[in-house]
Structures are given as structure tokens and as C-alpha cells.
Protein backbone atom coordinates (compact mmCIF):
# COMPACT_ATOMS: atom_id res chain seq x y z
CA MET A 1 0.00 0.00 0.00
CA LYS A 2 1.23 3.50 -0.90
CA GLU A 3 0.28 6.80 0.66
CA ASP A 4 -0.40 8.29 -2.79
CA PHE A 5 -3.27 5.86 -3.25
CA LEU A 6 -4.81 6.92 0.05
CA HIS A 7 -4.51 10.56 -1.04
CA HIS A 8 -6.33 9.60 -4.25
CA VAL A 9 -9.10 7.87 -2.29
CA TRP A 10 -9.65 10.88 -0.04
CA LEU A 11 -9.34 13.48 -2.80
CA HIS A 12 -11.80 11.73 -5.11
CA LYS A 13 -14.09 10.49 -2.33
CA ARG A 14 -13.71 6.82 -3.25
CA ILE A 15 -15.41 5.61 -0.05
CA ASP A 16 -18.96 5.34 1.22
CA VAL A 17 -19.13 8.50 3.32
CA THR A 18 -22.44 7.50 4.91
CA GLN A 19 -20.96 4.65 6.98
CA LEU A 20 -17.65 5.80 8.44
CA PHE A 21 -16.49 5.26 12.01
CA THR A 22 -13.31 5.98 13.91
CA THR A 23 -11.29 3.17 15.44
CA LYS A 24 -13.13 4.05 18.67
CA LYS A 25 -16.46 3.30 16.91
CA GLU A 26 -17.47 6.99 16.79
CA LYS A 27 -19.52 7.94 13.74
CA ILE A 28 -17.87 10.31 11.26
CA GLU A 29 -19.82 12.70 9.05
CA ILE A 30 -17.74 14.49 6.41
CA LEU A 31 -18.93 18.01 5.64
CA LYS A 32 -15.79 19.06 3.73
CA PHE A 33 -12.92 16.79 2.70
CA GLY A 34 -10.50 19.74 2.73
CA GLN A 35 -8.13 21.23 0.18
CA TYR A 36 -5.31 19.01 -1.08
CA LEU A 37 -2.12 21.01 -0.44
CA GLN A 38 0.78 18.78 -1.55
CA THR A 39 3.15 20.98 0.45
CA SER A 40 4.76 20.76 3.87
CA GLY A 41 2.28 20.34 6.69
CA PRO A 42 -0.96 18.31 6.85
CA ASP A 43 -2.21 16.78 3.60
CA PHE A 44 -5.71 18.30 3.48
CA PHE A 45 -6.42 21.81 4.73
CA ASN A 46 -9.61 23.27 6.18
CA ALA A 47 -11.75 20.14 6.41
CA GLN A 48 -14.99 19.98 8.37
CA LEU A 49 -16.24 16.88 10.16
CA ILE A 50 -18.77 15.78 12.72
CA ILE A 51 -17.39 13.08 15.02
CA ALA A 52 -19.74 11.65 17.65
CA ASN A 53 -22.08 14.66 17.19
CA GLN A 54 -19.22 17.13 17.77
CA LYS A 55 -18.38 19.43 14.85
CA TRP A 56 -14.69 19.91 14.04
CA ALA A 57 -12.86 22.22 11.64
CA GLY A 58 -9.19 21.65 10.87
CA ASN A 59 -6.80 19.56 8.81
CA ILE A 60 -6.52 15.93 7.73
CA GLU A 61 -3.28 13.94 7.78
CA ILE A 62 -2.93 10.68 5.83
CA HIS A 63 -0.47 7.82 6.41
CA VAL A 64 -0.18 4.15 5.54
CA LYS A 65 0.14 3.27 9.24
CA SER A 66 -0.78 5.26 12.35
CA SER A 67 2.77 4.84 13.64
CA ASP A 68 4.03 6.89 10.67
CA TRP A 69 2.86 9.89 12.70
CA TYR A 70 5.78 9.31 15.06
CA LEU A 71 8.12 8.17 12.29
CA HIS A 72 7.69 11.64 10.77
CA ASN A 73 7.94 13.38 14.18
CA HIS A 74 4.54 15.07 13.81
CA GLU A 75 4.00 14.88 17.57
CA LYS A 76 6.78 17.49 17.94
CA ASP A 77 5.47 19.79 15.21
CA LYS A 78 2.84 22.35 16.20
CA ASN A 79 1.77 22.62 12.55
CA TYR A 80 -0.01 19.32 13.14
CA ASP A 81 -1.83 20.37 16.31
CA ASN A 82 -4.89 21.32 14.26
CA VAL A 83 -5.24 17.86 12.69
CA ILE A 84 -8.79 16.70 13.44
CA LEU A 85 -8.60 13.26 11.80
CA HIS A 86 -5.76 10.85 11.06
CA VAL A 87 -6.67 8.79 7.98
CA VAL A 88 -4.64 5.58 7.66
CA TRP A 89 -4.68 2.26 5.85
CA GLU A 90 -3.75 0.32 8.99
CA HIS A 91 -4.20 1.46 12.57
CA ASP A 92 -1.35 0.06 14.66
CA ILE A 93 -1.00 2.61 17.49
CA GLU A 94 -2.85 5.50 19.12
CA ILE A 95 -1.48 8.91 18.14
CA TYR A 96 -1.33 12.23 19.97
CA ARG A 97 -0.69 15.89 19.22
CA SER A 98 2.19 17.82 20.79
CA ASN A 99 -0.13 18.76 23.70
CA ASN A 100 -0.89 15.04 24.33
CA THR A 101 -4.49 15.17 23.09
CA GLU A 102 -5.51 12.07 21.17
CA ILE A 103 -6.42 12.36 17.48
CA PRO A 104 -9.35 10.34 16.07
CA VAL A 105 -8.31 7.74 13.49
CA LEU A 106 -10.13 6.46 10.42
CA GLU A 107 -8.82 3.09 9.21
CA LEU A 108 -9.49 2.91 5.47
CA LYS A 109 -8.76 -0.72 4.63
CA GLN A 110 -12.20 -1.81 5.77
CA TYR A 111 -13.91 0.80 3.58
CA ILE A 112 -12.01 0.61 0.27
CA LYS A 113 -13.16 -1.85 -2.36
CA LEU A 114 -10.64 -4.52 -3.33
CA SER A 115 -11.39 -3.75 -6.99
CA ASP A 116 -10.19 -0.15 -6.47
CA VAL A 117 -6.97 -1.37 -4.86
CA ASN A 118 -6.31 -3.83 -7.70
CA ARG A 119 -7.09 -1.19 -10.32
CA TYR A 120 -4.62 1.19 -8.70
CA LYS A 121 -1.92 -1.51 -8.53
CA ASP A 122 -2.52 -2.33 -12.19
CA LEU A 123 -2.00 1.31 -13.16
CA PHE A 124 1.52 1.26 -11.74
CA ARG A 125 2.75 -1.99 -13.21
CA PRO A 126 5.47 -1.55 -15.87
CA LYS A 127 3.93 -0.31 -19.12
CA LYS A 128 5.22 0.37 -22.63
CA TRP A 129 3.62 3.79 -22.96
CA ILE A 130 1.62 5.31 -20.08
CA ASN A 131 0.08 3.83 -16.94
CA CYS A 132 -3.49 3.90 -18.22
CA GLU A 133 -2.75 2.51 -21.69
CA ASN A 134 -5.07 -0.47 -21.14
CA GLN A 135 -7.97 1.67 -19.94
CA ILE A 136 -7.74 4.81 -22.07
CA ASN A 137 -9.53 3.27 -25.06
CA LYS A 138 -12.57 2.56 -22.87
CA ILE A 139 -13.20 6.24 -22.13
CA ASP A 140 -16.20 7.77 -23.85
CA ASN A 141 -15.09 10.16 -26.63
CA PHE A 142 -17.25 12.98 -25.31
CA LYS A 143 -15.78 12.67 -21.79
CA TRP A 144 -12.25 12.46 -23.21
CA SER A 145 -12.69 15.62 -25.32
CA ASN A 146 -14.45 17.46 -22.51
CA TRP A 147 -11.66 16.57 -20.05
CA LYS A 148 -8.92 17.84 -22.37
CA GLU A 149 -10.84 21.06 -23.01
CA ARG A 150 -11.33 21.53 -19.26
CA LEU A 151 -7.60 21.04 -18.67
CA PHE A 152 -6.89 23.79 -21.19
CA PHE A 153 -9.22 26.27 -19.49
CA GLU A 154 -8.01 25.37 -16.00
CA ARG A 155 -4.45 26.08 -17.11
CA LEU A 156 -5.51 29.47 -18.49
CA GLU A 157 -7.40 30.24 -15.28
CA ARG A 158 -4.37 29.43 -13.12
CA LYS A 159 -2.12 31.61 -15.26
CA SER A 160 -4.56 34.53 -15.30
CA GLU A 161 -5.08 34.34 -11.52
CA PHE A 162 -1.32 34.36 -10.99
CA ILE A 163 -0.86 37.38 -13.29
CA SER A 164 -3.75 39.18 -11.57
CA SER A 165 -2.14 38.65 -8.16
CA LEU A 166 1.16 40.05 -9.47
CA LEU A 167 -0.69 43.03 -10.89
CA VAL A 168 -2.16 43.76 -7.46
CA GLU A 169 1.27 43.43 -5.80
CA THR A 170 2.86 45.81 -8.31
CA LYS A 171 -0.02 48.32 -8.14
CA ASN A 172 -1.03 47.76 -11.77
CA ASP A 173 2.48 48.12 -13.15
CA TRP A 174 2.44 45.90 -16.24
CA ASP A 175 6.16 46.41 -16.86
CA ALA A 176 6.94 45.10 -13.38
CA VAL A 177 4.63 42.12 -13.95
CA LEU A 178 6.42 41.31 -17.22
CA PHE A 179 9.78 41.51 -15.45
CA CYS A 180 8.61 39.07 -12.76
CA LEU A 181 7.19 36.64 -15.32
CA LEU A 182 10.36 36.71 -17.39
CA ALA A 183 12.45 36.02 -14.29
CA LYS A 184 10.21 33.13 -13.25
CA ASN A 185 10.36 31.52 -16.69
CA PHE A 186 14.14 31.86 -16.87
CA GLY A 187 14.20 29.66 -13.76
CA LEU A 188 12.02 27.03 -15.45
CA ASN A 189 10.28 24.39 -13.30
CA ILE A 190 13.02 23.86 -10.73
CA ASN A 191 14.21 27.42 -9.98
CA GLY A 192 11.23 29.40 -11.26
CA ASP A 193 9.81 30.23 -7.83
CA SER A 194 13.22 31.30 -6.52
CA PHE A 195 13.82 33.52 -9.55
CA LEU A 196 10.38 35.04 -9.07
CA GLU A 197 11.07 35.88 -5.41
CA ILE A 198 14.37 37.51 -6.37
CA ALA A 199 12.62 39.60 -9.03
CA LYS A 200 9.90 40.64 -6.60
CA SER A 201 12.52 41.66 -4.00
CA ILE A 202 13.94 44.26 -6.39
CA PRO A 203 11.82 47.45 -6.64
CA PHE A 204 11.00 47.77 -10.32
CA SER A 205 11.66 51.51 -10.11
CA VAL A 206 15.36 50.56 -9.85
CA ILE A 207 15.14 48.42 -13.01
CA ARG A 208 13.28 51.19 -14.84
CA LYS A 209 15.86 53.78 -13.78
CA GLU A 210 18.77 51.60 -14.91
CA LYS A 211 17.05 51.04 -18.26
CA SER A 212 16.58 54.78 -18.76
CA GLU A 213 20.22 55.54 -17.95
CA VAL A 214 21.43 52.90 -20.42
CA GLU A 215 19.22 54.32 -23.19
CA ASN A 216 20.46 57.85 -22.50
């Protein structure tokens, strides 16, 4: 079992949410699954649950085993004090926050269909082309076209939102925005964010002044 699969299950809601219980047999109602962060800190941000008729708002952390909580030293990290549910494949030990309060645990292996597990394993067996090469021809043409079109628009939306945020930061200075975007793209995928931060740390008035002096 891999943690990525458990992330997939939670992100795409591949469980029967009407019949979930903690390892202490307390009923769980999921109001919001949370936002998948894929950064440092808990895996899903700003989730909302009802556990044993008590409403909780906070984060979700996912591991293969409960003991991974201690393997990763989360009990010493205050960033994990707002975890309201520990979602695991196998529950092998009780876990606690840094203030020694116990965190409810949801053990997934009793809720996930074996067919879903086997399908996931099949996707990651060695292939000649891509992981889903044996399934891709079974996708309805309309869904396939619609998905690709949606990907295109989502990419445009992300880019436009990023440019809009830069425009706000630079007080509607399009030249400064262009400078930041050029710097980010010079850094490519690996160093792009670092190049962007360097560009943003330099007041563009300095760049504009240097440009004017060179032209004169």
C-alpha cells in the first residue's frame, strides 16, 4: 500500500461516506474533505467533520500506518496540532498531538473496495507507454474531449489568476509584472519560484531607472 493511493481515495471520495467510524467506533460525518495542499504540513487543509455529534474544523493527515505519525515526528510539530482526523490504511498505534491530546483515526482498509486497490496496482505496473494505456480506449469520446478542453481552461485560469495577483502586488504596473514573469520563466520548473522571489525583491523603479540611464 502506498500513501499516494490513500490521497487519491480521499481526494476523489472513493469511499462510502455514509458509513464511516473511527477506530473508537465513533460515527464520522464528512462536511468538507478539505483542500489538497501537496506541500509541507498536513495533507488536506480546512476540512470539516462531525465526530460523535461534535463538529470539528481543521486539517486531515494521511499515512499508511498510524505509527508513521511518530516516524515523521509530527508529535513534535505544532503545525499538526490542528489535525482533526488521522486517515490511515492500517491502525497500529494510538497517536497524539504535541499537547498530548488524542487524534481520532479512520482506518481505510475496511472501507475501500478490493477492486479499487487492484485497479490502482494495475496502473503502476510496468507499461510500454503510459500507466493507463489499457484503460484509455474505454473512455467515452465525449468525456475524453471534454476533459482535455477543461484542462486547457483550468491552465488558463491558473495563469490569469497568478498574473492578476502580481498586478495587485505591483499596483497595476504591467512592466513590473512582465519583469517578474520573465524572471520566473528563466528559472524554469526547478528554480522558477526562486527567480520570481528575487525579481519581486527588487523594486522595479530601480530596473526602470537603470534602463533609462542605459538608453540615454
